[in-house]
PDB file of all heavy atoms in Angstrom:
ATOM      1  N   ALA A   1       8.672  -5.894   8.362  1.00  0.00           N
ATOM      2  CA  ALA A   1       9.759  -4.912   8.390  1.00  0.00           C
ATOM      3  C   ALA A   1      10.988  -5.479   9.083  1.00  0.00           C
ATOM      4  O   ALA A   1      12.120  -5.232   8.664  1.00  0.00           O
ATOM      5  CB  ALA A   1       9.292  -3.635   9.093  1.00  0.00           C
ATOM      6  N   ILE A   2      10.766  -6.268  10.126  1.00  0.00           N
ATOM      7  CA  ILE A   2      11.892  -6.793  10.901  1.00  0.00           C
ATOM      8  C   ILE A   2      12.692  -7.809  10.091  1.00  0.00           C
ATOM      9  O   ILE A   2      13.910  -7.922  10.227  1.00  0.00           O
ATOM     10  CB  ILE A   2      11.398  -7.402  12.243  1.00  0.00           C
ATOM     11  CG1 ILE A   2      12.530  -7.470  13.263  1.00  0.00           C
ATOM     12  CG2 ILE A   2      10.748  -8.740  12.037  1.00  0.00           C
ATOM     13  CD1 ILE A   2      12.927  -6.127  13.822  1.00  0.00           C
ATOM     14  N   LYS A   3      12.003  -8.575   9.217  1.00  0.00           N
ATOM     15  CA  LYS A   3      12.687  -9.569   8.386  1.00  0.00           C
ATOM     16  C   LYS A   3      12.905  -9.085   6.955  1.00  0.00           C
ATOM     17  O   LYS A   3      13.401  -9.842   6.117  1.00  0.00           O
ATOM     18  CB  LYS A   3      11.891 -10.882   8.377  1.00  0.00           C
ATOM     19  CG  LYS A   3      11.895 -11.589   9.729  1.00  0.00           C
ATOM     20  CD  LYS A   3      11.398 -13.024   9.597  1.00  0.00           C
ATOM     21  CE  LYS A   3      11.559 -13.768  10.915  1.00  0.00           C
ATOM     22  NZ  LYS A   3      11.133 -15.182  10.797  1.00  0.00           N
ATOM     23  N   LYS A   4      12.498  -7.842   6.704  1.00  0.00           N
ATOM     24  CA  LYS A   4      12.687  -7.200   5.401  1.00  0.00           C
ATOM     25  C   LYS A   4      12.011  -7.969   4.265  1.00  0.00           C
ATOM     26  O   LYS A   4      12.538  -8.047   3.163  1.00  0.00           O
ATOM     27  CB  LYS A   4      14.181  -7.004   5.122  1.00  0.00           C
ATOM     28  CG  LYS A   4      14.868  -6.135   6.162  1.00  0.00           C
ATOM     29  CD  LYS A   4      16.338  -5.907   5.849  1.00  0.00           C
ATOM     30  CE  LYS A   4      16.984  -5.028   6.909  1.00  0.00           C
ATOM     31  NZ  LYS A   4      18.418  -4.805   6.645  1.00  0.00           N
ATOM     32  N   GLU A   5      10.845  -8.529   4.553  1.00  0.00           N
ATOM     33  CA  GLU A   5      10.049  -9.205   3.539  1.00  0.00           C
ATOM     34  C   GLU A   5       8.997  -8.236   2.991  1.00  0.00           C
ATOM     35  O   GLU A   5       8.239  -7.640   3.753  1.00  0.00           O
ATOM     36  CB  GLU A   5       9.353 -10.435   4.131  1.00  0.00           C
ATOM     37  CG  GLU A   5      10.313 -11.503   4.644  1.00  0.00           C
ATOM     38  CD  GLU A   5       9.592 -12.619   5.381  1.00  0.00           C
ATOM     39  OE1 GLU A   5       8.342 -12.564   5.455  1.00  0.00           O
ATOM     40  OE2 GLU A   5      10.266 -13.533   5.883  1.00  0.00           O
ATOM     41  N   GLY A   6       8.970  -8.047   1.686  1.00  0.00           N
ATOM     42  CA  GLY A   6       8.010  -7.134   1.074  1.00  0.00           C
ATOM     43  C   GLY A   6       8.490  -5.701   1.002  1.00  0.00           C
ATOM     44  O   GLY A   6       7.714  -4.798   0.662  1.00  0.00           O
ATOM     45  N   VAL A   7       9.775  -5.466   1.295  1.00  0.00           N
ATOM     46  CA  VAL A   7      10.308  -4.103   1.328  1.00  0.00           C
ATOM     47  C   VAL A   7      10.308  -3.461  -0.054  1.00  0.00           C
ATOM     48  O   VAL A   7       9.964  -2.281  -0.211  1.00  0.00           O
ATOM     49  CB  VAL A   7      11.735  -4.088   1.930  1.00  0.00           C
ATOM     50  CG1 VAL A   7      12.336  -2.689   1.832  1.00  0.00           C
ATOM     51  CG2 VAL A   7      11.694  -4.555   3.377  1.00  0.00           C
ATOM     52  N   ASP A   8      10.691  -4.224  -1.089  1.00  0.00           N
ATOM     53  CA  ASP A   8      10.713  -3.663  -2.442  1.00  0.00           C
ATOM     54  C   ASP A   8       9.321  -3.202  -2.878  1.00  0.00           C
ATOM     55  O   ASP A   8       9.165  -2.145  -3.492  1.00  0.00           O
ATOM     56  CB  ASP A   8      11.259  -4.700  -3.444  1.00  0.00           C
ATOM     57  CG  ASP A   8      12.751  -4.933  -3.263  1.00  0.00           C
ATOM     58  OD1 ASP A   8      13.399  -4.073  -2.641  1.00  0.00           O
ATOM     59  OD2 ASP A   8      13.252  -5.976  -3.737  1.00  0.00           O
ATOM     60  N   GLU A   9       8.312  -4.009  -2.571  1.00  0.00           N
ATOM     61  CA  GLU A   9       6.937  -3.645  -2.910  1.00  0.00           C
ATOM     62  C   GLU A   9       6.504  -2.413  -2.110  1.00  0.00           C
ATOM     63  O   GLU A   9       5.800  -1.542  -2.628  1.00  0.00           O
ATOM     64  CB  GLU A   9       6.001  -4.817  -2.616  1.00  0.00           C
ATOM     65  CG  GLU A   9       4.524  -4.558  -2.892  1.00  0.00           C
ATOM     66  CD  GLU A   9       4.204  -4.390  -4.375  1.00  0.00           C
ATOM     67  OE1 GLU A   9       5.112  -4.584  -5.220  1.00  0.00           O
ATOM     68  OE2 GLU A   9       3.060  -4.045  -4.692  1.00  0.00           O
ATOM     69  N   LEU A  10       6.930  -2.333  -0.844  1.00  0.00           N
ATOM     70  CA  LEU A  10       6.615  -1.171  -0.017  1.00  0.00           C
ATOM     71  C   LEU A  10       7.190   0.099  -0.646  1.00  0.00           C
ATOM     72  O   LEU A  10       6.495   1.115  -0.780  1.00  0.00           O
ATOM     73  CB  LEU A  10       7.178  -1.348   1.398  1.00  0.00           C
ATOM     74  CG  LEU A  10       7.085  -0.129   2.322  1.00  0.00           C
ATOM     75  CD1 LEU A  10       5.632   0.185   2.652  1.00  0.00           C
ATOM     76  CD2 LEU A  10       7.892  -0.354   3.603  1.00  0.00           C
ATOM     77  N   LYS A  11       8.454   0.031  -1.058  1.00  0.00           N
ATOM     78  CA  LYS A  11       9.101   1.195  -1.667  1.00  0.00           C
ATOM     79  C   LYS A  11       8.395   1.591  -2.967  1.00  0.00           C
ATOM     80  O   LYS A  11       8.208   2.782  -3.245  1.00  0.00           O
ATOM     81  CB  LYS A  11      10.577   0.897  -1.926  1.00  0.00           C
ATOM     82  CG  LYS A  11      11.414   0.783  -0.655  1.00  0.00           C
ATOM     83  CD  LYS A  11      12.853   0.464  -0.996  1.00  0.00           C
ATOM     84  CE  LYS A  11      13.706   0.367   0.259  1.00  0.00           C
ATOM     85  NZ  LYS A  11      15.108   0.012  -0.051  1.00  0.00           N
ATOM     86  N   ARG A  12       8.000   0.599  -3.754  1.00  0.00           N
ATOM     87  CA  ARG A  12       7.328   0.897  -5.015  1.00  0.00           C
ATOM     88  C   ARG A  12       5.996   1.591  -4.769  1.00  0.00           C
ATOM     89  O   ARG A  12       5.650   2.574  -5.442  1.00  0.00           O
ATOM     90  CB  ARG A  12       7.104  -0.389  -5.817  1.00  0.00           C
ATOM     91  CG  ARG A  12       6.614  -0.138  -7.250  1.00  0.00           C
ATOM     92  CD  ARG A  12       6.337  -1.440  -7.986  1.00  0.00           C
ATOM     93  NE  ARG A  12       5.174  -2.128  -7.449  1.00  0.00           N
ATOM     94  CZ  ARG A  12       3.917  -1.806  -7.763  1.00  0.00           C
ATOM     95  NH1 ARG A  12       3.661  -0.805  -8.572  1.00  0.00           N
ATOM     96  NH2 ARG A  12       2.907  -2.487  -7.247  1.00  0.00           N
ATOM     97  N   LYS A  13       5.240   1.081  -3.779  1.00  0.00           N
ATOM     98  CA  LYS A  13       3.937   1.671  -3.460  1.00  0.00           C
ATOM     99  C   LYS A  13       4.098   3.108  -2.949  1.00  0.00           C
ATOM    100  O   LYS A  13       3.324   4.001  -3.318  1.00  0.00           O
ATOM    101  CB  LYS A  13       3.232   0.828  -2.397  1.00  0.00           C
ATOM    102  CG  LYS A  13       2.735  -0.518  -2.885  1.00  0.00           C
ATOM    103  CD  LYS A  13       1.325  -0.415  -3.433  1.00  0.00           C
ATOM    104  CE  LYS A  13       0.714  -1.783  -3.657  1.00  0.00           C
ATOM    105  NZ  LYS A  13      -0.670  -1.677  -4.168  1.00  0.00           N
ATOM    106  N   ILE A  14       5.078   3.314  -2.067  1.00  0.00           N
ATOM    107  CA  ILE A  14       5.311   4.664  -1.542  1.00  0.00           C
ATOM    108  C   ILE A  14       5.732   5.592  -2.672  1.00  0.00           C
ATOM    109  O   ILE A  14       5.281   6.735  -2.774  1.00  0.00           O
ATOM    110  CB  ILE A  14       6.374   4.642  -0.420  1.00  0.00           C
ATOM    111  CG1 ILE A  14       5.830   3.911   0.814  1.00  0.00           C
ATOM    112  CG2 ILE A  14       6.813   6.058  -0.053  1.00  0.00           C
ATOM    113  CD1 ILE A  14       6.840   3.733   1.930  1.00  0.00           C
ATOM    114  N   PHE A  15       6.608   5.076  -3.551  1.00  0.00           N
ATOM    115  CA  PHE A  15       7.092   5.899  -4.662  1.00  0.00           C
ATOM    116  C   PHE A  15       5.956   6.327  -5.585  1.00  0.00           C
ATOM    117  O   PHE A  15       5.928   7.455  -6.077  1.00  0.00           O
ATOM    118  CB  PHE A  15       8.171   5.155  -5.451  1.00  0.00           C
ATOM    119  CG  PHE A  15       8.735   5.970  -6.586  1.00  0.00           C
ATOM    120  CD1 PHE A  15       9.629   6.997  -6.336  1.00  0.00           C
ATOM    121  CD2 PHE A  15       8.350   5.719  -7.890  1.00  0.00           C
ATOM    122  CE1 PHE A  15      10.133   7.763  -7.375  1.00  0.00           C
ATOM    123  CE2 PHE A  15       8.844   6.485  -8.935  1.00  0.00           C
ATOM    124  CZ  PHE A  15       9.745   7.506  -8.675  1.00  0.00           C
ATOM    125  N   GLU A  16       5.004   5.435  -5.829  1.00  0.00           N
ATOM    126  CA  GLU A  16       3.858   5.780  -6.667  1.00  0.00           C
ATOM    127  C   GLU A  16       3.112   6.985  -6.096  1.00  0.00           C
ATOM    128  O   GLU A  16       2.751   7.920  -6.819  1.00  0.00           O
ATOM    129  CB  GLU A  16       2.902   4.590  -6.783  1.00  0.00           C
ATOM    130  CG  GLU A  16       3.393   3.469  -7.677  1.00  0.00           C
ATOM    131  CD  GLU A  16       2.402   2.322  -7.725  1.00  0.00           C
ATOM    132  OE1 GLU A  16       1.383   2.385  -6.986  1.00  0.00           O
ATOM    133  OE2 GLU A  16       2.633   1.363  -8.474  1.00  0.00           O
ATOM    134  N   LEU A  17       2.889   6.955  -4.773  1.00  0.00           N
ATOM    135  CA  LEU A  17       2.162   8.042  -4.115  1.00  0.00           C
ATOM    136  C   LEU A  17       2.986   9.327  -4.079  1.00  0.00           C
ATOM    137  O   LEU A  17       2.487  10.416  -4.367  1.00  0.00           O
ATOM    138  CB  LEU A  17       1.762   7.630  -2.698  1.00  0.00           C
ATOM    139  CG  LEU A  17       0.761   6.474  -2.572  1.00  0.00           C
ATOM    140  CD1 LEU A  17       0.613   6.055  -1.125  1.00  0.00           C
ATOM    141  CD2 LEU A  17      -0.601   6.877  -3.140  1.00  0.00           C
ATOM    142  N   VAL A  18       4.266   9.176  -3.719  1.00  0.00           N
ATOM    143  CA  VAL A  18       5.145  10.340  -3.581  1.00  0.00           C
ATOM    144  C   VAL A  18       5.381  11.010  -4.939  1.00  0.00           C
ATOM    145  O   VAL A  18       5.292  12.247  -5.063  1.00  0.00           O
ATOM    146  CB  VAL A  18       6.489   9.934  -2.951  1.00  0.00           C
ATOM    147  CG1 VAL A  18       7.516  11.060  -3.077  1.00  0.00           C
ATOM    148  CG2 VAL A  18       6.288   9.560  -1.477  1.00  0.00           C
ATOM    149  N   SER A  19       5.683  10.222  -5.957  1.00  0.00           N
ATOM    150  CA  SER A  19       6.003  10.791  -7.267  1.00  0.00           C
ATOM    151  C   SER A  19       4.779  11.469  -7.881  1.00  0.00           C
ATOM    152  O   SER A  19       4.901  12.496  -8.563  1.00  0.00           O
ATOM    153  CB  SER A  19       6.548   9.722  -8.214  1.00  0.00           C
ATOM    154  OG  SER A  19       5.594   8.694  -8.433  1.00  0.00           O
ATOM    155  N   ASP A  20       3.592  10.916  -7.626  1.00  0.00           N
ATOM    156  CA  ASP A  20       2.380  11.535  -8.153  1.00  0.00           C
ATOM    157  C   ASP A  20       2.231  12.955  -7.615  1.00  0.00           C
ATOM    158  O   ASP A  20       1.926  13.903  -8.354  1.00  0.00           O
ATOM    159  CB  ASP A  20       1.155  10.706  -7.768  1.00  0.00           C
ATOM    160  CG  ASP A  20      -0.146  11.296  -8.297  1.00  0.00           C
ATOM    161  OD1 ASP A  20      -0.298  11.344  -9.525  1.00  0.00           O
ATOM    162  OD2 ASP A  20      -0.972  11.719  -7.479  1.00  0.00           O
ATOM    163  N   ARG A  21       2.486  13.112  -6.306  1.00  0.00           N
ATOM    164  CA  ARG A  21       2.416  14.435  -5.685  1.00  0.00           C
ATOM    165  C   ARG A  21       3.583  15.310  -6.147  1.00  0.00           C
ATOM    166  O   ARG A  21       3.413  16.499  -6.443  1.00  0.00           O
ATOM    167  CB  ARG A  21       2.426  14.287  -4.159  1.00  0.00           C
ATOM    168  CG  ARG A  21       2.512  15.587  -3.387  1.00  0.00           C
ATOM    169  CD  ARG A  21       1.320  16.475  -3.640  1.00  0.00           C
ATOM    170  NE  ARG A  21       1.402  17.706  -2.878  1.00  0.00           N
ATOM    171  CZ  ARG A  21       0.724  18.810  -3.168  1.00  0.00           C
ATOM    172  NH1 ARG A  21      -0.100  18.831  -4.198  1.00  0.00           N
ATOM    173  NH2 ARG A  21       0.865  19.886  -2.431  1.00  0.00           N
ATOM    174  N   PHE A  22       4.773  14.740  -6.237  1.00  0.00           N
ATOM    175  CA  PHE A  22       5.980  15.484  -6.597  1.00  0.00           C
ATOM    176  C   PHE A  22       5.854  16.107  -7.987  1.00  0.00           C
ATOM    177  O   PHE A  22       6.178  17.279  -8.196  1.00  0.00           O
ATOM    178  CB  PHE A  22       7.196  14.556  -6.535  1.00  0.00           C
ATOM    179  CG  PHE A  22       8.499  15.233  -6.881  1.00  0.00           C
ATOM    180  CD1 PHE A  22       9.176  15.987  -5.941  1.00  0.00           C
ATOM    181  CD2 PHE A  22       9.042  15.106  -8.146  1.00  0.00           C
ATOM    182  CE1 PHE A  22      10.379  16.610  -6.253  1.00  0.00           C
ATOM    183  CE2 PHE A  22      10.242  15.722  -8.474  1.00  0.00           C
ATOM    184  CZ  PHE A  22      10.912  16.472  -7.515  1.00  0.00           C
ATOM    185  N   TYR A  23       5.359  15.331  -8.948  1.00  0.00           N
ATOM    186  CA  TYR A  23       5.282  15.835 -10.323  1.00  0.00           C
ATOM    187  C   TYR A  23       4.131  16.814 -10.526  1.00  0.00           C
ATOM    188  O   TYR A  23       4.089  17.533 -11.521  1.00  0.00           O
ATOM    189  CB  TYR A  23       5.210  14.680 -11.313  1.00  0.00           C
ATOM    190  CG  TYR A  23       6.498  13.903 -11.386  1.00  0.00           C
ATOM    191  CD1 TYR A  23       6.532  12.534 -11.144  1.00  0.00           C
ATOM    192  CD2 TYR A  23       7.703  14.558 -11.667  1.00  0.00           C
ATOM    193  CE1 TYR A  23       7.722  11.837 -11.188  1.00  0.00           C
ATOM    194  CE2 TYR A  23       8.893  13.859 -11.714  1.00  0.00           C
ATOM    195  CZ  TYR A  23       8.900  12.502 -11.471  1.00  0.00           C
ATOM    196  OH  TYR A  23      10.088  11.816 -11.510  1.00  0.00           O
ATOM    197  N   LYS A  24       3.193  16.866  -9.573  1.00  0.00           N
ATOM    198  CA  LYS A  24       2.187  17.926  -9.617  1.00  0.00           C
ATOM    199  C   LYS A  24       2.806  19.251  -9.189  1.00  0.00           C
ATOM    200  O   LYS A  24       2.411  20.318  -9.658  1.00  0.00           O
ATOM    201  CB  LYS A  24       1.004  17.563  -8.706  1.00  0.00           C
ATOM    202  CG  LYS A  24       0.106  16.480  -9.286  1.00  0.00           C
ATOM    203  CD  LYS A  24      -1.014  16.116  -8.337  1.00  0.00           C
ATOM    204  CE  LYS A  24      -1.892  15.003  -8.939  1.00  0.00           C
ATOM    205  NZ  LYS A  24      -2.949  14.556  -7.998  1.00  0.00           N
ATOM    206  N   ILE A  25       3.782  19.161  -8.265  1.00  0.00           N
ATOM    207  CA  ILE A  25       4.484  20.372  -7.827  1.00  0.00           C
ATOM    208  C   ILE A  25       5.537  20.774  -8.848  1.00  0.00           C
ATOM    209  O   ILE A  25       5.708  21.957  -9.155  1.00  0.00           O
ATOM    210  CB  ILE A  25       5.146  20.138  -6.449  1.00  0.00           C
ATOM    211  CG1 ILE A  25       4.103  19.758  -5.392  1.00  0.00           C
ATOM    212  CG2 ILE A  25       5.909  21.389  -5.998  1.00  0.00           C
ATOM    213  CD1 ILE A  25       4.688  19.369  -4.054  1.00  0.00           C
ATOM    214  N   TYR A  26       6.244  19.763  -9.378  1.00  0.00           N
ATOM    215  CA  TYR A  26       7.324  20.014 -10.347  1.00  0.00           C
ATOM    216  C   TYR A  26       7.046  19.234 -11.643  1.00  0.00           C
ATOM    217  O   TYR A  26       7.680  18.224 -11.914  1.00  0.00           O
ATOM    218  CB  TYR A  26       8.668  19.579  -9.757  1.00  0.00           C
ATOM    219  CG  TYR A  26       9.013  20.244  -8.448  1.00  0.00           C
ATOM    220  CD1 TYR A  26       8.852  19.571  -7.240  1.00  0.00           C
ATOM    221  CD2 TYR A  26       9.488  21.552  -8.415  1.00  0.00           C
ATOM    222  CE1 TYR A  26       9.166  20.176  -6.034  1.00  0.00           C
ATOM    223  CE2 TYR A  26       9.810  22.167  -7.215  1.00  0.00           C
ATOM    224  CZ  TYR A  26       9.641  21.479  -6.025  1.00  0.00           C
ATOM    225  OH  TYR A  26       9.945  22.081  -4.834  1.00  0.00           O
ATOM    226  N   PRO A  27       6.097  19.687 -12.459  1.00  0.00           N
ATOM    227  CA  PRO A  27       5.711  18.933 -13.668  1.00  0.00           C
ATOM    228  C   PRO A  27       6.821  18.822 -14.712  1.00  0.00           C
ATOM    229  O   PRO A  27       6.791  17.913 -15.542  1.00  0.00           O
ATOM    230  CB  PRO A  27       4.529  19.739 -14.220  1.00  0.00           C
ATOM    231  CG  PRO A  27       4.702  21.110 -13.658  1.00  0.00           C
ATOM    232  CD  PRO A  27       5.298  20.916 -12.305  1.00  0.00           C
ATOM    233  N   ASN A  28       7.808  19.708 -14.663  1.00  0.00           N
ATOM    234  CA  ASN A  28       8.874  19.687 -15.664  1.00  0.00           C
ATOM    235  C   ASN A  28      10.176  19.094 -15.128  1.00  0.00           C
ATOM    236  O   ASN A  28      11.235  19.293 -15.733  1.00  0.00           O
ATOM    237  CB  ASN A  28       9.130  21.109 -16.188  1.00  0.00           C
ATOM    238  CG  ASN A  28       7.907  21.692 -16.864  1.00  0.00           C
ATOM    239  OD1 ASN A  28       7.223  20.993 -17.607  1.00  0.00           O
ATOM    240  ND2 ASN A  28       7.634  22.966 -16.595  1.00  0.00           N
ATOM    241  N   HIS A  29      10.094  18.388 -14.029  1.00  0.00           N
ATOM    242  CA  HIS A  29      11.310  17.806 -13.447  1.00  0.00           C
ATOM    243  C   HIS A  29      11.933  16.815 -14.431  1.00  0.00           C
ATOM    244  O   HIS A  29      11.233  16.045 -15.097  1.00  0.00           O
ATOM    245  CB  HIS A  29      10.969  17.099 -12.132  1.00  0.00           C
ATOM    246  CG  HIS A  29      12.172  16.765 -11.311  1.00  0.00           C
ATOM    247  ND1 HIS A  29      12.853  15.591 -11.464  1.00  0.00           N
ATOM    248  CD2 HIS A  29      12.821  17.459 -10.337  1.00  0.00           C
ATOM    249  CE1 HIS A  29      13.865  15.554 -10.612  1.00  0.00           C
ATOM    250  NE2 HIS A  29      13.865  16.687  -9.917  1.00  0.00           N
ATOM    251  N   HIS A  30      13.267  16.805 -14.484  1.00  0.00           N
ATOM    252  CA  HIS A  30      13.974  16.013 -15.503  1.00  0.00           C
ATOM    253  C   HIS A  30      13.762  14.512 -15.370  1.00  0.00           C
ATOM    254  O   HIS A  30      13.946  13.759 -16.320  1.00  0.00           O
ATOM    255  CB  HIS A  30      15.484  16.320 -15.448  1.00  0.00           C
ATOM    256  CG  HIS A  30      16.120  15.950 -14.140  1.00  0.00           C
ATOM    257  ND1 HIS A  30      16.537  14.684 -13.850  1.00  0.00           N
ATOM    258  CD2 HIS A  30      16.386  16.700 -13.036  1.00  0.00           C
ATOM    259  CE1 HIS A  30      17.056  14.635 -12.626  1.00  0.00           C
ATOM    260  NE2 HIS A  30      16.980  15.861 -12.111  1.00  0.00           N
ATOM    261  N   SER A  31      13.351  14.017 -14.188  1.00  0.00           N
ATOM    262  CA  SER A  31      13.223  12.563 -13.987  1.00  0.00           C
ATOM    263  C   SER A  31      11.829  12.041 -14.300  1.00  0.00           C
ATOM    264  O   SER A  31      11.572  10.843 -14.167  1.00  0.00           O
ATOM    265  CB  SER A  31      13.576  12.201 -12.541  1.00  0.00           C
ATOM    266  OG  SER A  31      12.637  12.780 -11.642  1.00  0.00           O
ATOM    267  N   PHE A  32      10.914  12.920 -14.723  1.00  0.00           N
ATOM    268  CA  PHE A  32       9.527  12.510 -14.919  1.00  0.00           C
ATOM    269  C   PHE A  32       9.393  11.360 -15.927  1.00  0.00           C
ATOM    270  O   PHE A  32       8.799  10.322 -15.634  1.00  0.00           O
ATOM    271  CB  PHE A  32       8.679  13.695 -15.372  1.00  0.00           C
ATOM    272  CG  PHE A  32       7.246  13.331 -15.640  1.00  0.00           C
ATOM    273  CD1 PHE A  32       6.380  13.051 -14.601  1.00  0.00           C
ATOM    274  CD2 PHE A  32       6.765  13.244 -16.941  1.00  0.00           C
ATOM    275  CE1 PHE A  32       5.059  12.706 -14.846  1.00  0.00           C
ATOM    276  CE2 PHE A  32       5.442  12.901 -17.199  1.00  0.00           C
ATOM    277  CZ  PHE A  32       4.601  12.635 -16.145  1.00  0.00           C
ATOM    278  N   ALA A  33       9.973  11.530 -17.123  1.00  0.00           N
ATOM    279  CA  ALA A  33       9.841  10.503 -18.167  1.00  0.00           C
ATOM    280  C   ALA A  33      10.475   9.196 -17.728  1.00  0.00           C
ATOM    281  O   ALA A  33       9.921   8.108 -17.941  1.00  0.00           O
ATOM    282  CB  ALA A  33      10.479  10.994 -19.466  1.00  0.00           C
ATOM    283  N   TYR A  34      11.641   9.278 -17.080  1.00  0.00           N
ATOM    284  CA  TYR A  34      12.339   8.073 -16.624  1.00  0.00           C
ATOM    285  C   TYR A  34      11.482   7.292 -15.626  1.00  0.00           C
ATOM    286  O   TYR A  34      11.309   6.070 -15.736  1.00  0.00           O
ATOM    287  CB  TYR A  34      13.664   8.477 -15.980  1.00  0.00           C
ATOM    288  CG  TYR A  34      14.380   7.361 -15.257  1.00  0.00           C
ATOM    289  CD1 TYR A  34      15.227   6.491 -15.937  1.00  0.00           C
ATOM    290  CD2 TYR A  34      14.192   7.161 -13.886  1.00  0.00           C
ATOM    291  CE1 TYR A  34      15.876   5.462 -15.274  1.00  0.00           C
ATOM    292  CE2 TYR A  34      14.828   6.135 -13.219  1.00  0.00           C
ATOM    293  CZ  TYR A  34      15.680   5.292 -13.922  1.00  0.00           C
ATOM    294  OH  TYR A  34      16.319   4.274 -13.259  1.00  0.00           O
ATOM    295  N   ASN A  35      10.916   7.998 -14.664  1.00  0.00           N
ATOM    296  CA  ASN A  35      10.159   7.323 -13.619  1.00  0.00           C
ATOM    297  C   ASN A  35       8.809   6.807 -14.111  1.00  0.00           C
ATOM    298  O   ASN A  35       8.307   5.804 -13.608  1.00  0.00           O
ATOM    299  CB  ASN A  35       9.976   8.254 -12.421  1.00  0.00           C
ATOM    300  CG  ASN A  35      11.250   8.370 -11.602  1.00  0.00           C
ATOM    301  OD1 ASN A  35      11.960   7.386 -11.418  1.00  0.00           O
ATOM    302  ND2 ASN A  35      11.563   9.567 -11.137  1.00  0.00           N
ATOM    303  N   GLN A  36       8.219   7.476 -15.088  1.00  0.00           N
ATOM    304  CA  GLN A  36       6.999   6.951 -15.687  1.00  0.00           C
ATOM    305  C   GLN A  36       7.275   5.601 -16.342  1.00  0.00           C
ATOM    306  O   GLN A  36       6.509   4.652 -16.219  1.00  0.00           O
ATOM    307  CB  GLN A  36       6.454   7.934 -16.737  1.00  0.00           C
ATOM    308  CG  GLN A  36       5.766   9.147 -16.143  1.00  0.00           C
ATOM    309  CD  GLN A  36       4.526   8.738 -15.364  1.00  0.00           C
ATOM    310  OE1 GLN A  36       4.519   8.776 -14.119  1.00  0.00           O
ATOM    311  NE2 GLN A  36       3.482   8.339 -16.052  1.00  0.00           N
ATOM    312  N   LEU A  37       8.408   5.502 -17.035  1.00  0.00           N
ATOM    313  CA  LEU A  37       8.809   4.250 -17.662  1.00  0.00           C
ATOM    314  C   LEU A  37       9.089   3.189 -16.605  1.00  0.00           C
ATOM    315  O   LEU A  37       8.730   2.013 -16.757  1.00  0.00           O
ATOM    316  CB  LEU A  37      10.052   4.476 -18.533  1.00  0.00           C
ATOM    317  CG  LEU A  37      10.451   3.339 -19.485  1.00  0.00           C
ATOM    318  CD1 LEU A  37       9.324   3.029 -20.465  1.00  0.00           C
ATOM    319  CD2 LEU A  37      11.735   3.689 -20.229  1.00  0.00           C
ATOM    320  N   TRP A  38       9.714   3.616 -15.513  1.00  0.00           N
ATOM    321  CA  TRP A  38      10.037   2.697 -14.408  1.00  0.00           C
ATOM    322  C   TRP A  38       8.769   2.102 -13.806  1.00  0.00           C
ATOM    323  O   TRP A  38       8.672   0.898 -13.560  1.00  0.00           O
ATOM    324  CB  TRP A  38      10.839   3.461 -13.345  1.00  0.00           C
ATOM    325  CG  TRP A  38      11.242   2.623 -12.170  1.00  0.00           C
ATOM    326  CD1 TRP A  38      12.307   1.782 -12.084  1.00  0.00           C
ATOM    327  CD2 TRP A  38      10.563   2.541 -10.913  1.00  0.00           C
ATOM    328  NE1 TRP A  38      12.340   1.184 -10.853  1.00  0.00           N
ATOM    329  CE2 TRP A  38      11.275   1.629 -10.112  1.00  0.00           C
ATOM    330  CE3 TRP A  38       9.422   3.140 -10.380  1.00  0.00           C
ATOM    331  CZ2 TRP A  38      10.905   1.324  -8.822  1.00  0.00           C
ATOM    332  CZ3 TRP A  38       9.039   2.829  -9.098  1.00  0.00           C
ATOM    333  CH2 TRP A  38       9.776   1.928  -8.343  1.00  0.00           C
ATOM    334  N   LEU A  39       7.753   2.944 -13.595  1.00  0.00           N
ATOM    335  CA  LEU A  39       6.495   2.468 -13.024  1.00  0.00           C
ATOM    336  C   LEU A  39       5.771   1.535 -13.988  1.00  0.00           C
ATOM    337  O   LEU A  39       5.162   0.552 -13.581  1.00  0.00           O
ATOM    338  CB  LEU A  39       5.597   3.654 -12.668  1.00  0.00           C
ATOM    339  CG  LEU A  39       6.014   4.464 -11.436  1.00  0.00           C
ATOM    340  CD1 LEU A  39       5.163   5.727 -11.326  1.00  0.00           C
ATOM    341  CD2 LEU A  39       5.889   3.635 -10.171  1.00  0.00           C
ATOM    342  N   GLU A  40       5.842   1.848 -15.288  1.00  0.00           N
ATOM    343  CA  GLU A  40       5.206   0.993 -16.286  1.00  0.00           C
ATOM    344  C   GLU A  40       5.827  -0.398 -16.328  1.00  0.00           C
ATOM    345  O   GLU A  40       5.174  -1.371 -16.690  1.00  0.00           O
ATOM    346  CB  GLU A  40       5.307   1.652 -17.662  1.00  0.00           C
ATOM    347  CG  GLU A  40       4.396   2.866 -17.815  1.00  0.00           C
ATOM    348  CD  GLU A  40       4.656   3.612 -19.114  1.00  0.00           C
ATOM    349  OE1 GLU A  40       5.420   3.079 -19.951  1.00  0.00           O
ATOM    350  OE2 GLU A  40       4.099   4.709 -19.290  1.00  0.00           O
ATOM    351  N   HIS A  41       7.093  -0.489 -15.939  1.00  0.00           N
ATOM    352  CA  HIS A  41       7.782  -1.783 -15.885  1.00  0.00           C
ATOM    353  C   HIS A  41       7.628  -2.458 -14.514  1.00  0.00           C
ATOM    354  O   HIS A  41       8.361  -3.383 -14.193  1.00  0.00           O
ATOM    355  CB  HIS A  41       9.269  -1.615 -16.209  1.00  0.00           C
ATOM    356  CG  HIS A  41       9.543  -1.450 -17.677  1.00  0.00           C
ATOM    357  ND1 HIS A  41       9.298  -0.269 -18.352  1.00  0.00           N
ATOM    358  CD2 HIS A  41      10.007  -2.332 -18.608  1.00  0.00           C
ATOM    359  CE1 HIS A  41       9.624  -0.414 -19.630  1.00  0.00           C
ATOM    360  NE2 HIS A  41      10.056  -1.661 -19.819  1.00  0.00           N
ATOM    361  N   GLY A  42       6.684  -1.974 -13.741  1.00  0.00           N
ATOM    362  CA  GLY A  42       6.390  -2.613 -12.450  1.00  0.00           C
ATOM    363  C   GLY A  42       7.397  -2.310 -11.371  1.00  0.00           C
ATOM    364  O   GLY A  42       7.451  -3.006 -10.349  1.00  0.00           O
TER     365      GLY A  42
END
């Protein structure tokens, strides 16, 4: 964290967990399709 190495991977991992919970609460949110595509592209 201090040298900011691995930060992008950290954000991606957190986003996977957060978005999974978020879309269970808001299944019709407008960003769902976009972010599914984003995750599929790593």
